[in-house]
Amino acid sequence: MDTDIVRRLIWGGMLAATGALATVAAHRVSEVLYRRVFNEEPPE
């Protein structure tokens, strides 16, 4: 029973971490694309 709970917690942590990394990566890619298309800093 304890191992099932630990596995679920680890799985939830992995999902949260990969989701956060994907969000950061998408933000950075969007910034680069915006700069190349409009030749200016993206709005904040």
PDB file of N, CA and C in Angstrom:
ATOM      1  N   MET A   1       0.835  -1.192   0.000  1.00  0.00           N
ATOM      2  CA  MET A   1       0.000   0.000   0.000  1.00  0.00           C
ATOM      3  C   MET A   1       0.879   1.255   0.000  1.00  0.00           C
ATOM      4  N   ASP A   2       1.902   1.302   0.836  1.00  0.00           N
ATOM      5  CA  ASP A   2       2.771   2.473   0.898  1.00  0.00           C
ATOM      6  C   ASP A   2       3.506   2.699  -0.419  1.00  0.00           C
ATOM      7  N   THR A   3       3.920   1.613  -1.070  1.00  0.00           N
ATOM      8  CA  THR A   3       4.655   1.779  -2.315  1.00  0.00           C
ATOM      9  C   THR A   3       3.758   2.364  -3.401  1.00  0.00           C
ATOM     10  N   ASP A   4       2.468   2.032  -3.378  1.00  0.00           N
ATOM     11  CA  ASP A   4       1.537   2.595  -4.365  1.00  0.00           C
ATOM     12  C   ASP A   4       1.394   4.100  -4.162  1.00  0.00           C
ATOM     13  N   ILE A   5       1.314   4.536  -2.926  1.00  0.00           N
ATOM     14  CA  ILE A   5       1.199   5.962  -2.632  1.00  0.00           C
ATOM     15  C   ILE A   5       2.478   6.691  -3.055  1.00  0.00           C
ATOM     16  N   VAL A   6       3.616   6.109  -2.750  1.00  0.00           N
ATOM     17  CA  VAL A   6       4.889   6.723  -3.121  1.00  0.00           C
ATOM     18  C   VAL A   6       5.015   6.819  -4.636  1.00  0.00           C
ATOM     19  N   ARG A   7       4.619   5.761  -5.329  1.00  0.00           N
ATOM     20  CA  ARG A   7       4.673   5.789  -6.793  1.00  0.00           C
ATOM     21  C   ARG A   7       3.767   6.866  -7.364  1.00  0.00           C
ATOM     22  N   ARG A   8       2.595   7.027  -6.800  1.00  0.00           N
ATOM     23  CA  ARG A   8       1.678   8.070  -7.276  1.00  0.00           C
ATOM     24  C   ARG A   8       2.244   9.465  -6.999  1.00  0.00           C
ATOM     25  N   LEU A   9       2.864   9.654  -5.844  1.00  0.00           N
ATOM     26  CA  LEU A   9       3.487  10.939  -5.524  1.00  0.00           C
ATOM     27  C   LEU A   9       4.652  11.246  -6.467  1.00  0.00           C
ATOM     28  N   ILE A  10       5.461  10.233  -6.741  1.00  0.00           N
ATOM     29  CA  ILE A  10       6.576  10.417  -7.672  1.00  0.00           C
ATOM     30  C   ILE A  10       6.041  10.740  -9.062  1.00  0.00           C
ATOM     31  N   TRP A  11       5.006  10.035  -9.490  1.00  0.00           N
ATOM     32  CA  TRP A  11       4.405  10.288 -10.797  1.00  0.00           C
ATOM     33  C   TRP A  11       3.859  11.714 -10.871  1.00  0.00           C
ATOM     34  N   GLY A  12       3.178  12.156  -9.848  1.00  0.00           N
ATOM     35  CA  GLY A  12       2.654  13.516  -9.812  1.00  0.00           C
ATOM     36  C   GLY A  12       3.766  14.548  -9.855  1.00  0.00           C
ATOM     37  N   GLY A  13       4.855  14.280  -9.149  1.00  0.00           N
ATOM     38  CA  GLY A  13       6.002  15.180  -9.172  1.00  0.00           C
ATOM     39  C   GLY A  13       6.658  15.237 -10.544  1.00  0.00           C
ATOM     40  N   MET A  14       6.762  14.095 -11.192  1.00  0.00           N
ATOM     41  CA  MET A  14       7.334  14.057 -12.532  1.00  0.00           C
ATOM     42  C   MET A  14       6.462  14.817 -13.522  1.00  0.00           C
ATOM     43  N   LEU A  15       5.162  14.658 -13.425  1.00  0.00           N
ATOM     44  CA  LEU A  15       4.247  15.380 -14.307  1.00  0.00           C
ATOM     45  C   LEU A  15       4.359  16.885 -14.091  1.00  0.00           C
ATOM     46  N   ALA A  16       4.409  17.297 -12.843  1.00  0.00           N
ATOM     47  CA  ALA A  16       4.533  18.724 -12.534  1.00  0.00           C
ATOM     48  C   ALA A  16       5.848  19.286 -13.064  1.00  0.00           C
ATOM     49  N   ALA A  17       6.931  18.556 -12.883  1.00  0.00           N
ATOM     50  CA  ALA A  17       8.249  19.021 -13.329  1.00  0.00           C
ATOM     51  C   ALA A  17       8.318  19.121 -14.848  1.00  0.00           C
ATOM     52  N   THR A  18       7.835  18.104 -15.547  1.00  0.00           N
ATOM     53  CA  THR A  18       7.889  18.157 -17.011  1.00  0.00           C
ATOM     54  C   THR A  18       6.939  19.218 -17.553  1.00  0.00           C
ATOM     55  N   GLY A  19       5.825  19.421 -16.892  1.00  0.00           N
ATOM     56  CA  GLY A  19       4.912  20.485 -17.308  1.00  0.00           C
ATOM     57  C   GLY A  19       5.535  21.859 -17.139  1.00  0.00           C
ATOM     58  N   ALA A  20       6.225  22.061 -16.036  1.00  0.00           N
ATOM     59  CA  ALA A  20       6.905  23.345 -15.804  1.00  0.00           C
ATOM     60  C   ALA A  20       8.016  23.569 -16.817  1.00  0.00           C
ATOM     61  N   LEU A  21       8.791  22.537 -17.100  1.00  0.00           N
ATOM     62  CA  LEU A  21       9.861  22.659 -18.096  1.00  0.00           C
ATOM     63  C   LEU A  21       9.299  22.940 -19.484  1.00  0.00           C
ATOM     64  N   ALA A  22       8.203  22.309 -19.829  1.00  0.00           N
ATOM     65  CA  ALA A  22       7.580  22.546 -21.128  1.00  0.00           C
ATOM     66  C   ALA A  22       7.080  23.984 -21.229  1.00  0.00           C
ATOM     67  N   THR A  23       6.541  24.502 -20.154  1.00  0.00           N
ATOM     68  CA  THR A  23       6.060  25.881 -20.146  1.00  0.00           C
ATOM     69  C   THR A  23       7.209  26.862 -20.334  1.00  0.00           C
ATOM     70  N   VAL A  24       8.313  26.632 -19.632  1.00  0.00           N
ATOM     71  CA  VAL A  24       9.487  27.506 -19.758  1.00  0.00           C
ATOM     72  C   VAL A  24      10.038  27.433 -21.177  1.00  0.00           C
ATOM     73  N   ALA A  25      10.136  26.240 -21.724  1.00  0.00           N
ATOM     74  CA  ALA A  25      10.657  26.074 -23.083  1.00  0.00           C
ATOM     75  C   ALA A  25       9.757  26.761 -24.104  1.00  0.00           C
ATOM     76  N   ALA A  26       8.444  26.613 -23.964  1.00  0.00           N
ATOM     77  CA  ALA A  26       7.511  27.251 -24.893  1.00  0.00           C
ATOM     78  C   ALA A  26       7.612  28.769 -24.811  1.00  0.00           C
ATOM     79  N   HIS A  27       7.785  29.290 -23.627  1.00  0.00           N
ATOM     80  CA  HIS A  27       7.922  30.743 -23.446  1.00  0.00           C
ATOM     81  C   HIS A  27       9.173  31.259 -24.147  1.00  0.00           C
ATOM     82  N   ARG A  28      10.267  30.559 -23.980  1.00  0.00           N
ATOM     83  CA  ARG A  28      11.527  30.991 -24.602  1.00  0.00           C
ATOM     84  C   ARG A  28      11.461  30.899 -26.125  1.00  0.00           C
ATOM     85  N   VAL A  29      10.880  29.833 -26.642  1.00  0.00           N
ATOM     86  CA  VAL A  29      10.742  29.691 -28.096  1.00  0.00           C
ATOM     87  C   VAL A  29       9.851  30.792 -28.646  1.00  0.00           C
ATOM     88  N   SER A  30       8.777  31.091 -27.957  1.00  0.00           N
ATOM     89  CA  SER A  30       7.876  32.157 -28.399  1.00  0.00           C
ATOM     90  C   SER A  30       8.585  33.507 -28.416  1.00  0.00           C
ATOM     91  N   GLU A  31       9.410  33.778 -27.421  1.00  0.00           N
ATOM     92  CA  GLU A  31      10.165  35.029 -27.388  1.00  0.00           C
ATOM     93  C   GLU A  31      11.095  35.141 -28.595  1.00  0.00           C
ATOM     94  N   VAL A  32      11.797  34.065 -28.897  1.00  0.00           N
ATOM     95  CA  VAL A  32      12.726  34.074 -30.029  1.00  0.00           C
ATOM     96  C   VAL A  32      11.967  34.304 -31.334  1.00  0.00           C
ATOM     97  N   LEU A  33      10.860  33.606 -31.505  1.00  0.00           N
ATOM     98  CA  LEU A  33      10.069  33.772 -32.727  1.00  0.00           C
ATOM     99  C   LEU A  33       9.530  35.191 -32.854  1.00  0.00           C
ATOM    100  N   TYR A  34       9.049  35.757 -31.765  1.00  0.00           N
ATOM    101  CA  TYR A  34       8.518  37.120 -31.790  1.00  0.00           C
ATOM    102  C   TYR A  34       9.599  38.113 -32.201  1.00  0.00           C
ATOM    103  N   ARG A  35      10.789  37.932 -31.627  1.00  0.00           N
ATOM    104  CA  ARG A  35      11.900  38.845 -31.959  1.00  0.00           C
ATOM    105  C   ARG A  35      12.269  38.748 -33.431  1.00  0.00           C
ATOM    106  N   ARG A  36      12.267  37.539 -33.982  1.00  0.00           N
ATOM    107  CA  ARG A  36      12.635  37.360 -35.386  1.00  0.00           C
ATOM    108  C   ARG A  36      11.568  37.893 -36.328  1.00  0.00           C
ATOM    109  N   VAL A  37      10.315  37.756 -35.976  1.00  0.00           N
ATOM    110  CA  VAL A  37       9.231  38.210 -36.840  1.00  0.00           C
ATOM    111  C   VAL A  37       9.081  39.721 -36.791  1.00  0.00           C
ATOM    112  N   PHE A  38       9.112  40.308 -35.614  1.00  0.00           N
ATOM    113  CA  PHE A  38       8.815  41.730 -35.455  1.00  0.00           C
ATOM    114  C   PHE A  38      10.047  42.609 -35.204  1.00  0.00           C
ATOM    115  N   ASN A  39      11.225  42.013 -35.043  1.00  0.00           N
ATOM    116  CA  ASN A  39      12.465  42.744 -34.773  1.00  0.00           C
ATOM    117  C   ASN A  39      12.332  43.696 -33.579  1.00  0.00           C
ATOM    118  N   GLU A  40      11.660  43.252 -32.535  1.00  0.00           N
ATOM    119  CA  GLU A  40      11.540  44.021 -31.299  1.00  0.00           C
ATOM    120  C   GLU A  40      11.295  43.075 -30.145  1.00  0.00           C
ATOM    121  N   GLU A  41      11.401  43.630 -28.946  1.00  0.00           N
ATOM    122  CA  GLU A  41      11.172  42.835 -27.744  1.00  0.00           C
ATOM    123  C   GLU A  41       9.680  42.495 -27.632  1.00  0.00           C
ATOM    124  N   PRO A  42       9.359  41.310 -27.169  1.00  0.00           N
ATOM    125  CA  PRO A  42       7.944  40.965 -26.988  1.00  0.00           C
ATOM    126  C   PRO A  42       7.308  41.771 -25.865  1.00  0.00           C
ATOM    127  N   PRO A  43       6.006  42.010 -25.951  1.00  0.00           N
ATOM    128  CA  PRO A  43       5.328  42.747 -24.872  1.00  0.00           C
ATOM    129  C   PRO A  43       5.339  41.955 -23.572  1.00  0.00           C
ATOM    130  N   GLU A  44       5.270  42.653 -22.467  1.00  0.00           N
ATOM    131  CA  GLU A  44       5.278  41.973 -21.169  1.00  0.00           C
ATOM    132  C   GLU A  44       3.885  41.695 -20.688  1.00  0.00           C
TER     133      GLU A  44
END
